[in-house]
Amino acid sequence: MLFLSGSRVPEELSVLEDYARNPSDRARNDNLSQLCKTAGRIRRKVDGHPADWTFGPWDRDVAFPSVLSDGAVVVNAQLE
């Protein structure tokens, strides 16, 4: 299980947007593109806020982990 804190999760995901495109698989493209956009939005919020940001576990059924601000969940995990 991978745990990243601070803005590392959205930072790592948001840079993958250019690589999310595969002309032969539209559903894959849409899914990866949405994950990258979500990561980018969260990154901008995290970078501009002084709270202690952490992310929940990225288990097998999690499409995007929960986002916690000072230990309180502010965005629920998105399940596949």
C-alpha atoms as a PDB file:
ATOM      1  CA  MET A   1       0.000   0.000   0.000  1.00  0.00           C
ATOM      2  CA  LEU A   2       1.350   3.424  -0.984  1.00  0.00           C
ATOM      3  CA  PHE A   3       0.934   6.440   1.289  1.00  0.00           C
ATOM      4  CA  LEU A   4       1.982   9.904   0.157  1.00  0.00           C
ATOM      5  CA  SER A   5       1.492  13.066   2.168  1.00  0.00           C
ATOM      6  CA  GLY A   6       1.184  16.741   1.405  1.00  0.00           C
ATOM      7  CA  SER A   7       0.722  17.582  -2.259  1.00  0.00           C
ATOM      8  CA  ARG A   8       2.641  14.522  -3.501  1.00  0.00           C
ATOM      9  CA  VAL A   9      -0.394  12.507  -4.692  1.00  0.00           C
ATOM     10  CA  PRO A  10      -1.893  15.255  -6.835  1.00  0.00           C
ATOM     11  CA  GLU A  11       1.562  16.420  -7.905  1.00  0.00           C
ATOM     12  CA  GLU A  12       2.506  12.945  -9.110  1.00  0.00           C
ATOM     13  CA  LEU A  13      -0.818  12.374 -10.873  1.00  0.00           C
ATOM     14  CA  SER A  14      -1.215  15.798 -12.455  1.00  0.00           C
ATOM     15  CA  VAL A  15       2.028  15.451 -14.416  1.00  0.00           C
ATOM     16  CA  LEU A  16       0.700  12.281 -16.071  1.00  0.00           C
ATOM     17  CA  GLU A  17      -2.064  14.055 -17.997  1.00  0.00           C
ATOM     18  CA  ASP A  18      -0.019  14.238 -21.217  1.00  0.00           C
ATOM     19  CA  TYR A  19       0.595  10.492 -21.041  1.00  0.00           C
ATOM     20  CA  ALA A  20      -3.058   9.598 -20.372  1.00  0.00           C
ATOM     21  CA  ARG A  21      -3.974   9.602 -24.043  1.00  0.00           C
ATOM     22  CA  ASN A  22      -4.147   6.355 -26.011  1.00  0.00           C
ATOM     23  CA  PRO A  23      -6.054   6.717 -29.296  1.00  0.00           C
ATOM     24  CA  SER A  24      -7.100   3.059 -29.262  1.00  0.00           C
ATOM     25  CA  ASP A  25      -8.860   3.106 -25.850  1.00  0.00           C
ATOM     26  CA  ARG A  26     -11.323   5.970 -25.329  1.00  0.00           C
ATOM     27  CA  ALA A  27     -12.622   4.736 -21.935  1.00  0.00           C
ATOM     28  CA  ARG A  28      -9.062   4.476 -20.583  1.00  0.00           C
ATOM     29  CA  ASN A  29      -8.267   7.957 -21.885  1.00  0.00           C
ATOM     30  CA  ASP A  30     -11.346   9.461 -20.251  1.00  0.00           C
ATOM     31  CA  ASN A  31     -10.663   7.736 -16.922  1.00  0.00           C
ATOM     32  CA  LEU A  32      -6.987   8.732 -16.753  1.00  0.00           C
ATOM     33  CA  SER A  33      -7.739  12.244 -17.916  1.00  0.00           C
ATOM     34  CA  GLN A  34     -10.371  12.665 -15.188  1.00  0.00           C
ATOM     35  CA  LEU A  35      -7.958  11.380 -12.523  1.00  0.00           C
ATOM     36  CA  CYS A  36      -5.321  13.853 -13.692  1.00  0.00           C
ATOM     37  CA  LYS A  37      -7.782  16.758 -13.654  1.00  0.00           C
ATOM     38  CA  THR A  38      -8.975  15.801 -10.161  1.00  0.00           C
ATOM     39  CA  ALA A  39      -5.365  15.642  -8.996  1.00  0.00           C
ATOM     40  CA  GLY A  40      -4.645  19.055 -10.493  1.00  0.00           C
ATOM     41  CA  ARG A  41      -7.617  20.663  -8.721  1.00  0.00           C
ATOM     42  CA  ILE A  42      -6.622  19.130  -5.396  1.00  0.00           C
ATOM     43  CA  ARG A  43      -3.001  20.168  -5.873  1.00  0.00           C
ATOM     44  CA  ARG A  44      -3.981  23.806  -6.391  1.00  0.00           C
ATOM     45  CA  LYS A  45      -6.103  23.729  -3.211  1.00  0.00           C
ATOM     46  CA  VAL A  46      -3.385  22.023  -1.150  1.00  0.00           C
ATOM     47  CA  ASP A  47      -0.639  24.363  -2.351  1.00  0.00           C
ATOM     48  CA  GLY A  48      -2.663  27.404  -1.325  1.00  0.00           C
ATOM     49  CA  HIS A  49      -3.717  26.253   2.145  1.00  0.00           C
ATOM     50  CA  PRO A  50      -1.555  25.952   5.290  1.00  0.00           C
ATOM     51  CA  ALA A  51      -3.347  22.872   6.719  1.00  0.00           C
ATOM     52  CA  ASP A  52      -1.642  19.514   7.202  1.00  0.00           C
ATOM     53  CA  TRP A  53      -2.813  17.537   4.134  1.00  0.00           C
ATOM     54  CA  THR A  54      -2.771  13.762   3.937  1.00  0.00           C
ATOM     55  CA  PHE A  55      -4.343  11.135   1.719  1.00  0.00           C
ATOM     56  CA  GLY A  56      -6.111   7.934   2.598  1.00  0.00           C
ATOM     57  CA  PRO A  57      -5.026   4.517   1.372  1.00  0.00           C
ATOM     58  CA  TRP A  58      -5.081   3.727  -2.303  1.00  0.00           C
ATOM     59  CA  ASP A  59      -6.395   0.200  -2.037  1.00  0.00           C
ATOM     60  CA  ARG A  60      -7.467  -2.079  -4.867  1.00  0.00           C
ATOM     61  CA  ASP A  61     -11.009  -0.673  -5.198  1.00  0.00           C
ATOM     62  CA  VAL A  62     -10.034   3.004  -4.817  1.00  0.00           C
ATOM     63  CA  ALA A  63      -9.924   5.111  -7.982  1.00  0.00           C
ATOM     64  CA  PHE A  64      -8.711   8.165  -6.033  1.00  0.00           C
ATOM     65  CA  PRO A  65      -7.859   8.282  -2.305  1.00  0.00           C
ATOM     66  CA  SER A  66      -9.671  10.358   0.279  1.00  0.00           C
ATOM     67  CA  VAL A  67      -8.192  13.775   1.059  1.00  0.00           C
ATOM     68  CA  LEU A  68      -7.788  14.856   4.677  1.00  0.00           C
ATOM     69  CA  SER A  69      -7.114  18.356   6.006  1.00  0.00           C
ATOM     70  CA  ASP A  70      -5.708  18.419   9.533  1.00  0.00           C
ATOM     71  CA  GLY A  71      -6.978  14.844   9.939  1.00  0.00           C
ATOM     72  CA  ALA A  72     -10.562  15.529   8.825  1.00  0.00           C
ATOM     73  CA  VAL A  73     -11.857  14.072   5.558  1.00  0.00           C
ATOM     74  CA  VAL A  74     -12.668  16.877   3.112  1.00  0.00           C
ATOM     75  CA  VAL A  75     -12.959  14.715  -0.017  1.00  0.00           C
ATOM     76  CA  ASN A  76     -14.190  11.146   0.169  1.00  0.00           C
ATOM     77  CA  ALA A  77     -12.365   8.410  -1.699  1.00  0.00           C
ATOM     78  CA  GLN A  78     -13.647   7.734  -5.198  1.00  0.00           C
ATOM     79  CA  LEU A  79     -14.270   4.031  -5.657  1.00  0.00           C
ATOM     80  CA  GLU A  80     -14.009   2.228  -8.956  1.00  0.00           C
END
